[in-house]
Amino acid sequence: IFGPVQSILKFKTLDEVIERANNTTYGLAAGAFTKDV
């Protein structure tokens, strides 16, 4: 969108997040917040 729009999607596992994030034709940047190295 390239605008101030945040979409919140629920997830259960880290593998699900990775699969969903990679299931796109785009890949400019990604960000995550975690305490788990």
All heavy atoms as atom14 arrays in JSON, in Angstrom:
{
  "sequence": "IFGPVQSILKFKTLDEVIERANNTTYGLAAGAFTKDV",
  "atom14_mask": [
    [1, 1, 1, 1, 1, 1, 1, 1, 0, 0, 0, 0, 0, 0],
    [1, 1, 1, 1, 1, 1, 1, 1, 1, 1, 1, 0, 0, 0],
    [1, 1, 1, 1, 0, 0, 0, 0, 0, 0, 0, 0, 0, 0],
    [1, 1, 1, 1, 1, 1, 1, 0, 0, 0, 0, 0, 0, 0],
    [1, 1, 1, 1, 1, 1, 1, 0, 0, 0, 0, 0, 0, 0],
    [1, 1, 1, 1, 1, 1, 1, 1, 1, 0, 0, 0, 0, 0],
    [1, 1, 1, 1, 1, 1, 0, 0, 0, 0, 0, 0, 0, 0],
    [1, 1, 1, 1, 1, 1, 1, 1, 0, 0, 0, 0, 0, 0],
    [1, 1, 1, 1, 1, 1, 1, 1, 0, 0, 0, 0, 0, 0],
    [1, 1, 1, 1, 1, 1, 1, 1, 1, 0, 0, 0, 0, 0],
    [1, 1, 1, 1, 1, 1, 1, 1, 1, 1, 1, 0, 0, 0],
    [1, 1, 1, 1, 1, 1, 1, 1, 1, 0, 0, 0, 0, 0],
    [1, 1, 1, 1, 1, 1, 1, 0, 0, 0, 0, 0, 0, 0],
    [1, 1, 1, 1, 1, 1, 1, 1, 0, 0, 0, 0, 0, 0],
    [1, 1, 1, 1, 1, 1, 1, 1, 0, 0, 0, 0, 0, 0],
    [1, 1, 1, 1, 1, 1, 1, 1, 1, 0, 0, 0, 0, 0],
    [1, 1, 1, 1, 1, 1, 1, 0, 0, 0, 0, 0, 0, 0],
    [1, 1, 1, 1, 1, 1, 1, 1, 0, 0, 0, 0, 0, 0],
    [1, 1, 1, 1, 1, 1, 1, 1, 1, 0, 0, 0, 0, 0],
    [1, 1, 1, 1, 1, 1, 1, 1, 1, 1, 1, 0, 0, 0],
    [1, 1, 1, 1, 1, 0, 0, 0, 0, 0, 0, 0, 0, 0],
    [1, 1, 1, 1, 1, 1, 1, 1, 0, 0, 0, 0, 0, 0],
    [1, 1, 1, 1, 1, 1, 1, 1, 0, 0, 0, 0, 0, 0],
    [1, 1, 1, 1, 1, 1, 1, 0, 0, 0, 0, 0, 0, 0],
    [1, 1, 1, 1, 1, 1, 1, 0, 0, 0, 0, 0, 0, 0],
    [1, 1, 1, 1, 1, 1, 1, 1, 1, 1, 1, 1, 0, 0],
    [1, 1, 1, 1, 0, 0, 0, 0, 0, 0, 0, 0, 0, 0],
    [1, 1, 1, 1, 1, 1, 1, 1, 0, 0, 0, 0, 0, 0],
    [1, 1, 1, 1, 1, 0, 0, 0, 0, 0, 0, 0, 0, 0],
    [1, 1, 1, 1, 1, 0, 0, 0, 0, 0, 0, 0, 0, 0],
    [1, 1, 1, 1, 0, 0, 0, 0, 0, 0, 0, 0, 0, 0],
    [1, 1, 1, 1, 1, 0, 0, 0, 0, 0, 0, 0, 0, 0],
    [1, 1, 1, 1, 1, 1, 1, 1, 1, 1, 1, 0, 0, 0],
    [1, 1, 1, 1, 1, 1, 1, 0, 0, 0, 0, 0, 0, 0],
    [1, 1, 1, 1, 1, 1, 1, 1, 1, 0, 0, 0, 0, 0],
    [1, 1, 1, 1, 1, 1, 1, 1, 0, 0, 0, 0, 0, 0],
    [1, 1, 1, 1, 1, 1, 1, 0, 0, 0, 0, 0, 0, 0]
  ],
  "atom14_positions": [
    [[0.82, -1.2, 0.0], [0.0, 0.0, 0.0], [0.87, 1.26, 0.0], [0.49, 2.28, -0.56], [-0.97, -0.02, 1.2], [-1.93, -1.22, 1.07], [-1.74, 1.29, 1.3], [-2.84, -1.44, 2.25], [0.0, 0.0, 0.0], [0.0, 0.0, 0.0], [0.0, 0.0, 0.0], [0.0, 0.0, 0.0], [0.0, 0.0, 0.0], [0.0, 0.0, 0.0]],
    [[2.03, 1.22, 0.61], [2.92, 2.37, 0.72], [2.2, 3.57, 1.34], [2.25, 4.69, 0.82], [3.55, 2.73, -0.63], [4.55, 1.73, -1.09], [4.27, 0.91, -2.17], [5.76, 1.59, -0.44], [5.2, -0.03, -2.6], [6.69, 0.64, -0.87], [6.41, -0.16, -1.94], [0.0, 0.0, 0.0], [0.0, 0.0, 0.0], [0.0, 0.0, 0.0]],
    [[1.53, 3.3, 2.43], [0.85, 4.36, 3.18], [0.7, 3.91, 4.61], [1.05, 2.79, 4.97], [0.0, 0.0, 0.0], [0.0, 0.0, 0.0], [0.0, 0.0, 0.0], [0.0, 0.0, 0.0], [0.0, 0.0, 0.0], [0.0, 0.0, 0.0], [0.0, 0.0, 0.0], [0.0, 0.0, 0.0], [0.0, 0.0, 0.0], [0.0, 0.0, 0.0]],
    [[0.14, 4.76, 5.45], [0.03, 4.46, 6.88], [-1.12, 3.51, 7.2], [-2.07, 3.86, 7.9], [-0.18, 5.84, 7.5], [-0.94, 6.59, 6.45], [-0.37, 6.11, 5.13], [0.0, 0.0, 0.0], [0.0, 0.0, 0.0], [0.0, 0.0, 0.0], [0.0, 0.0, 0.0], [0.0, 0.0, 0.0], [0.0, 0.0, 0.0], [0.0, 0.0, 0.0]],
    [[-1.05, 2.3, 6.65], [-2.1, 1.31, 6.84], [-1.48, 0.03, 7.39], [-0.58, -0.54, 6.79], [-2.84, 1.01, 5.51], [-3.93, -0.04, 5.72], [-3.42, 2.29, 4.93], [0.0, 0.0, 0.0], [0.0, 0.0, 0.0], [0.0, 0.0, 0.0], [0.0, 0.0, 0.0], [0.0, 0.0, 0.0], [0.0, 0.0, 0.0], [0.0, 0.0, 0.0]],
    [[-1.97, -0.4, 8.54], [-1.47, -1.61, 9.2], [-2.57, -2.67, 9.18], [-3.69, -2.41, 9.61], [-1.1, -1.3, 10.66], [-0.69, -2.5, 11.46], [0.62, -3.08, 10.97], [1.61, -2.39, 10.89], [0.62, -4.35, 10.63], [0.0, 0.0, 0.0], [0.0, 0.0, 0.0], [0.0, 0.0, 0.0], [0.0, 0.0, 0.0], [0.0, 0.0, 0.0]],
    [[-2.21, -3.84, 8.67], [-3.14, -4.97, 8.68], [-2.69, -5.97, 9.73], [-1.54, -6.4, 9.72], [-3.16, -5.65, 7.31], [-3.63, -4.77, 6.33], [0.0, 0.0, 0.0], [0.0, 0.0, 0.0], [0.0, 0.0, 0.0], [0.0, 0.0, 0.0], [0.0, 0.0, 0.0], [0.0, 0.0, 0.0], [0.0, 0.0, 0.0], [0.0, 0.0, 0.0]],
    [[-3.58, -6.34, 10.62], [-3.26, -7.3, 11.68], [-3.85, -8.65, 11.31], [-5.05, -8.78, 11.1], [-3.8, -6.82, 13.04], [-3.17, -5.47, 13.4], [-3.54, -7.87, 14.11], [-3.74, -4.83, 14.64], [0.0, 0.0, 0.0], [0.0, 0.0, 0.0], [0.0, 0.0, 0.0], [0.0, 0.0, 0.0], [0.0, 0.0, 0.0], [0.0, 0.0, 0.0]],
    [[-2.96, -9.65, 11.21], [-3.37, -11.02, 10.92], [-2.93, -11.9, 12.08], [-1.82, -11.76, 12.58], [-2.7, -11.51, 9.62], [-3.15, -10.82, 8.34], [-2.33, -9.61, 8.04], [-3.1, -11.8, 7.2], [0.0, 0.0, 0.0], [0.0, 0.0, 0.0], [0.0, 0.0, 0.0], [0.0, 0.0, 0.0], [0.0, 0.0, 0.0], [0.0, 0.0, 0.0]],
    [[-3.79, -12.82, 12.48], [-3.46, -13.73, 13.58], [-2.63, -14.9, 13.06], [-2.75, -15.3, 11.91], [-4.74, -14.25, 14.23], [-5.54, -13.17, 14.91], [-6.8, -13.74, 15.52], [-7.61, -12.63, 16.18], [-8.83, -13.15, 16.79], [0.0, 0.0, 0.0], [0.0, 0.0, 0.0], [0.0, 0.0, 0.0], [0.0, 0.0, 0.0], [0.0, 0.0, 0.0]],
    [[-1.81, -15.47, 13.95], [-1.02, -16.65, 13.59], [-0.83, -17.5, 14.84], [-0.99, -17.04, 15.95], [0.35, -16.24, 13.01], [1.24, -15.54, 13.99], [2.14, -16.25, 14.76], [1.18, -14.16, 14.14], [2.96, -15.61, 15.67], [1.99, -13.51, 15.04], [2.9, -14.23, 15.8], [0.0, 0.0, 0.0], [0.0, 0.0, 0.0], [0.0, 0.0, 0.0]],
    [[-0.47, -18.78, 14.6], [-0.24, -19.7, 15.71], [1.22, -20.1, 15.85], [1.7, -20.29, 16.95], [-1.12, -20.94, 15.55], [-2.59, -20.61, 15.7], [-3.45, -21.86, 15.67], [-4.88, -21.4, 15.71], [-5.88, -22.21, 16.09], [0.0, 0.0, 0.0], [0.0, 0.0, 0.0], [0.0, 0.0, 0.0], [0.0, 0.0, 0.0], [0.0, 0.0, 0.0]],
    [[1.93, -20.26, 14.73], [3.32, -20.72, 14.81], [4.23, -19.81, 13.99], [3.78, -19.11, 13.07], [3.46, -22.16, 14.27], [3.22, -22.14, 12.86], [2.52, -23.13, 14.96], [0.0, 0.0, 0.0], [0.0, 0.0, 0.0], [0.0, 0.0, 0.0], [0.0, 0.0, 0.0], [0.0, 0.0, 0.0], [0.0, 0.0, 0.0], [0.0, 0.0, 0.0]],
    [[5.5, -19.86, 14.32], [6.5, -19.08, 13.58], [6.59, -19.56, 12.13], [6.7, -18.75, 11.21], [7.86, -19.18, 14.27], [8.95, -18.26, 13.72], [8.56, -16.81, 13.85], [10.26, -18.52, 14.44], [0.0, 0.0, 0.0], [0.0, 0.0, 0.0], [0.0, 0.0, 0.0], [0.0, 0.0, 0.0], [0.0, 0.0, 0.0], [0.0, 0.0, 0.0]],
    [[6.5, -20.86, 11.91], [6.54, -21.39, 10.55], [5.37, -20.87, 9.72], [5.51, -20.59, 8.52], [6.54, -22.93, 10.55], [7.88, -23.49, 11.01], [8.91, -22.83, 10.78], [7.88, -24.59, 11.6], [0.0, 0.0, 0.0], [0.0, 0.0, 0.0], [0.0, 0.0, 0.0], [0.0, 0.0, 0.0], [0.0, 0.0, 0.0], [0.0, 0.0, 0.0]],
    [[4.2, -20.71, 10.35], [3.04, -20.15, 9.65], [3.31, -18.7, 9.25], [3.0, -18.29, 8.12], [1.81, -20.22, 10.55], [0.56, -19.63, 9.94], [-0.62, -19.57, 10.9], [-0.53, -20.11, 12.02], [-1.63, -18.96, 10.52], [0.0, 0.0, 0.0], [0.0, 0.0, 0.0], [0.0, 0.0, 0.0], [0.0, 0.0, 0.0], [0.0, 0.0, 0.0]],
    [[3.93, -17.94, 10.12], [4.27, -16.54, 9.81], [5.22, -16.48, 8.62], [5.02, -15.7, 7.68], [4.92, -15.86, 11.03], [5.51, -14.51, 10.66], [3.92, -15.7, 12.15], [0.0, 0.0, 0.0], [0.0, 0.0, 0.0], [0.0, 0.0, 0.0], [0.0, 0.0, 0.0], [0.0, 0.0, 0.0], [0.0, 0.0, 0.0], [0.0, 0.0, 0.0]],
    [[6.24, -17.3, 8.63], [7.23, -17.31, 7.56], [6.59, -17.7, 6.23], [6.8, -17.05, 5.21], [8.41, -18.22, 7.92], [9.19, -17.62, 9.1], [9.32, -18.46, 6.72], [10.15, -18.57, 9.77], [0.0, 0.0, 0.0], [0.0, 0.0, 0.0], [0.0, 0.0, 0.0], [0.0, 0.0, 0.0], [0.0, 0.0, 0.0], [0.0, 0.0, 0.0]],
    [[5.79, -18.75, 6.25], [5.12, -19.19, 5.02], [4.22, -18.1, 4.46], [4.23, -17.82, 3.26], [4.31, -20.46, 5.29], [3.61, -21.0, 4.07], [2.79, -22.25, 4.35], [3.0, -22.9, 5.38], [1.93, -22.56, 3.51], [0.0, 0.0, 0.0], [0.0, 0.0, 0.0], [0.0, 0.0, 0.0], [0.0, 0.0, 0.0], [0.0, 0.0, 0.0]],
    [[3.45, -17.47, 5.33], [2.54, -16.41, 4.88], [3.3, -15.19, 4.38], [2.92, -14.59, 3.38], [1.6, -16.03, 6.01], [0.6, -17.13, 6.31], [-0.08, -16.91, 7.61], [-1.16, -15.95, 7.48], [-1.84, -15.51, 8.53], [-1.55, -15.92, 9.74], [-2.82, -14.65, 8.36], [0.0, 0.0, 0.0], [0.0, 0.0, 0.0], [0.0, 0.0, 0.0]],
    [[4.35, -14.83, 5.07], [5.13, -13.66, 4.66], [5.8, -13.9, 3.31], [5.93, -12.98, 2.5], [6.18, -13.34, 5.72], [0.0, 0.0, 0.0], [0.0, 0.0, 0.0], [0.0, 0.0, 0.0], [0.0, 0.0, 0.0], [0.0, 0.0, 0.0], [0.0, 0.0, 0.0], [0.0, 0.0, 0.0], [0.0, 0.0, 0.0], [0.0, 0.0, 0.0]],
    [[6.23, -15.11, 3.06], [6.91, -15.43, 1.8], [5.94, -15.71, 0.65], [6.36, -15.76, -0.5], [7.84, -16.63, 1.99], [9.03, -16.29, 2.84], [9.39, -15.13, 3.02], [9.66, -17.31, 3.41], [0.0, 0.0, 0.0], [0.0, 0.0, 0.0], [0.0, 0.0, 0.0], [0.0, 0.0, 0.0], [0.0, 0.0, 0.0], [0.0, 0.0, 0.0]],
    [[4.67, -15.87, 0.95], [3.67, -16.18, -0.06], [3.17, -14.89, -0.73], [1.99, -14.56, -0.69], [2.49, -16.96, 0.55], [1.54, -17.45, -0.51], [1.91, -17.6, -1.67], [0.3, -17.68, -0.11], [0.0, 0.0, 0.0], [0.0, 0.0, 0.0], [0.0, 0.0, 0.0], [0.0, 0.0, 0.0], [0.0, 0.0, 0.0], [0.0, 0.0, 0.0]],
    [[4.11, -14.17, -1.31], [3.8, -12.91, -1.97], [4.8, -12.69, -3.09], [5.87, -13.3, -3.09], [3.83, -11.73, -0.97], [3.6, -10.51, -1.67], [5.17, -11.65, -0.26], [0.0, 0.0, 0.0], [0.0, 0.0, 0.0], [0.0, 0.0, 0.0], [0.0, 0.0, 0.0], [0.0, 0.0, 0.0], [0.0, 0.0, 0.0], [0.0, 0.0, 0.0]],
    [[4.45, -11.83, -4.01], [5.39, -11.49, -5.08], [6.35, -10.39, -4.66], [7.21, -9.99, -5.43], [4.64, -11.05, -6.35], [3.82, -9.92, -6.03], [3.8, -12.18, -6.9], [0.0, 0.0, 0.0], [0.0, 0.0, 0.0], [0.0, 0.0, 0.0], [0.0, 0.0, 0.0], [0.0, 0.0, 0.0], [0.0, 0.0, 0.0], [0.0, 0.0, 0.0]],
    [[6.2, -9.89, -3.44], [7.05, -8.81, -2.95], [8.01, -9.3, -1.88], [7.81, -10.36, -1.29], [6.19, -7.68, -2.37], [5.16, -7.18, -3.36], [3.81, -7.44, -3.19], [5.57, -6.45, -4.47], [2.88, -6.96, -4.1], [4.65, -5.97, -5.38], [3.31, -6.23, -5.19], [2.39, -5.78, -6.1], [0.0, 0.0, 0.0], [0.0, 0.0, 0.0]],
    [[9.03, -8.52, -1.6], [10.0, -8.9, -0.58], [10.98, -7.79, -0.27], [12.18, -8.01, -0.22], [0.0, 0.0, 0.0], [0.0, 0.0, 0.0], [0.0, 0.0, 0.0], [0.0, 0.0, 0.0], [0.0, 0.0, 0.0], [0.0, 0.0, 0.0], [0.0, 0.0, 0.0], [0.0, 0.0, 0.0], [0.0, 0.0, 0.0], [0.0, 0.0, 0.0]],
    [[10.48, -6.57, -0.1], [11.39, -5.46, 0.17], [11.96, -5.54, 1.58], [13.17, -5.55, 1.77], [10.68, -4.12, -0.02], [11.55, -2.88, 0.19], [12.73, -2.87, -0.76], [10.72, -1.61, 0.02], [0.0, 0.0, 0.0], [0.0, 0.0, 0.0], [0.0, 0.0, 0.0], [0.0, 0.0, 0.0], [0.0, 0.0, 0.0], [0.0, 0.0, 0.0]],
    [[11.1, -5.61, 2.57], [11.58, -5.58, 3.95], [10.61, -6.32, 4.87], [9.44, -6.49, 4.55], [11.75, -4.14, 4.41], [0.0, 0.0, 0.0], [0.0, 0.0, 0.0], [0.0, 0.0, 0.0], [0.0, 0.0, 0.0], [0.0, 0.0, 0.0], [0.0, 0.0, 0.0], [0.0, 0.0, 0.0], [0.0, 0.0, 0.0], [0.0, 0.0, 0.0]],
    [[11.14, -6.73, 6.01], [10.33, -7.39, 7.03], [10.84, -6.95, 8.39], [12.01, -6.61, 8.55], [10.44, -8.91, 6.89], [0.0, 0.0, 0.0], [0.0, 0.0, 0.0], [0.0, 0.0, 0.0], [0.0, 0.0, 0.0], [0.0, 0.0, 0.0], [0.0, 0.0, 0.0], [0.0, 0.0, 0.0], [0.0, 0.0, 0.0], [0.0, 0.0, 0.0]],
    [[9.97, -6.97, 9.36], [10.36, -6.61, 10.71], [9.63, -7.46, 11.72], [8.49, -7.87, 11.49], [0.0, 0.0, 0.0], [0.0, 0.0, 0.0], [0.0, 0.0, 0.0], [0.0, 0.0, 0.0], [0.0, 0.0, 0.0], [0.0, 0.0, 0.0], [0.0, 0.0, 0.0], [0.0, 0.0, 0.0], [0.0, 0.0, 0.0], [0.0, 0.0, 0.0]],
    [[10.3, -7.74, 12.82], [9.69, -8.53, 13.89], [10.25, -8.07, 15.22], [11.37, -7.57, 15.3], [9.97, -10.01, 13.68], [0.0, 0.0, 0.0], [0.0, 0.0, 0.0], [0.0, 0.0, 0.0], [0.0, 0.0, 0.0], [0.0, 0.0, 0.0], [0.0, 0.0, 0.0], [0.0, 0.0, 0.0], [0.0, 0.0, 0.0], [0.0, 0.0, 0.0]],
    [[9.47, -8.25, 16.24], [9.89, -7.94, 17.6], [9.83, -9.22, 18.42], [8.8, -9.88, 18.45], [8.98, -6.86, 18.2], [9.18, -5.52, 17.55], [8.53, -5.21, 16.37], [10.04, -4.6, 18.1], [8.73, -3.99, 15.75], [10.25, -3.37, 17.51], [9.59, -3.06, 16.32], [0.0, 0.0, 0.0], [0.0, 0.0, 0.0], [0.0, 0.0, 0.0]],
    [[10.94, -9.56, 19.03], [11.01, -10.78, 19.83], [12.15, -10.68, 20.84], [13.14, -9.99, 20.6], [11.21, -12.02, 18.93], [11.25, -13.19, 19.75], [12.49, -11.94, 18.12], [0.0, 0.0, 0.0], [0.0, 0.0, 0.0], [0.0, 0.0, 0.0], [0.0, 0.0, 0.0], [0.0, 0.0, 0.0], [0.0, 0.0, 0.0], [0.0, 0.0, 0.0]],
    [[12.02, -11.39, 21.93], [13.11, -11.51, 22.91], [13.87, -12.82, 22.7], [14.88, -13.05, 23.33], [12.53, -11.47, 24.33], [11.96, -10.13, 24.7], [11.4, -10.14, 26.11], [10.78, -8.8, 26.43], [10.21, -8.77, 27.77], [0.0, 0.0, 0.0], [0.0, 0.0, 0.0], [0.0, 0.0, 0.0], [0.0, 0.0, 0.0], [0.0, 0.0, 0.0]],
    [[13.36, -13.66, 21.8], [13.92, -14.98, 21.56], [14.94, -14.92, 20.42], [14.57, -14.76, 19.25], [12.79, -15.96, 21.23], [13.24, -17.4, 21.12], [14.37, -17.65, 20.68], [12.42, -18.28, 21.44], [0.0, 0.0, 0.0], [0.0, 0.0, 0.0], [0.0, 0.0, 0.0], [0.0, 0.0, 0.0], [0.0, 0.0, 0.0], [0.0, 0.0, 0.0]],
    [[16.21, -15.06, 20.73], [17.27, -14.96, 19.73], [17.12, -16.05, 18.67], [17.35, -15.79, 17.48], [18.66, -15.05, 20.4], [19.77, -15.16, 19.37], [18.88, -13.86, 21.3], [0.0, 0.0, 0.0], [0.0, 0.0, 0.0], [0.0, 0.0, 0.0], [0.0, 0.0, 0.0], [0.0, 0.0, 0.0], [0.0, 0.0, 0.0], [0.0, 0.0, 0.0]]
  ]
}
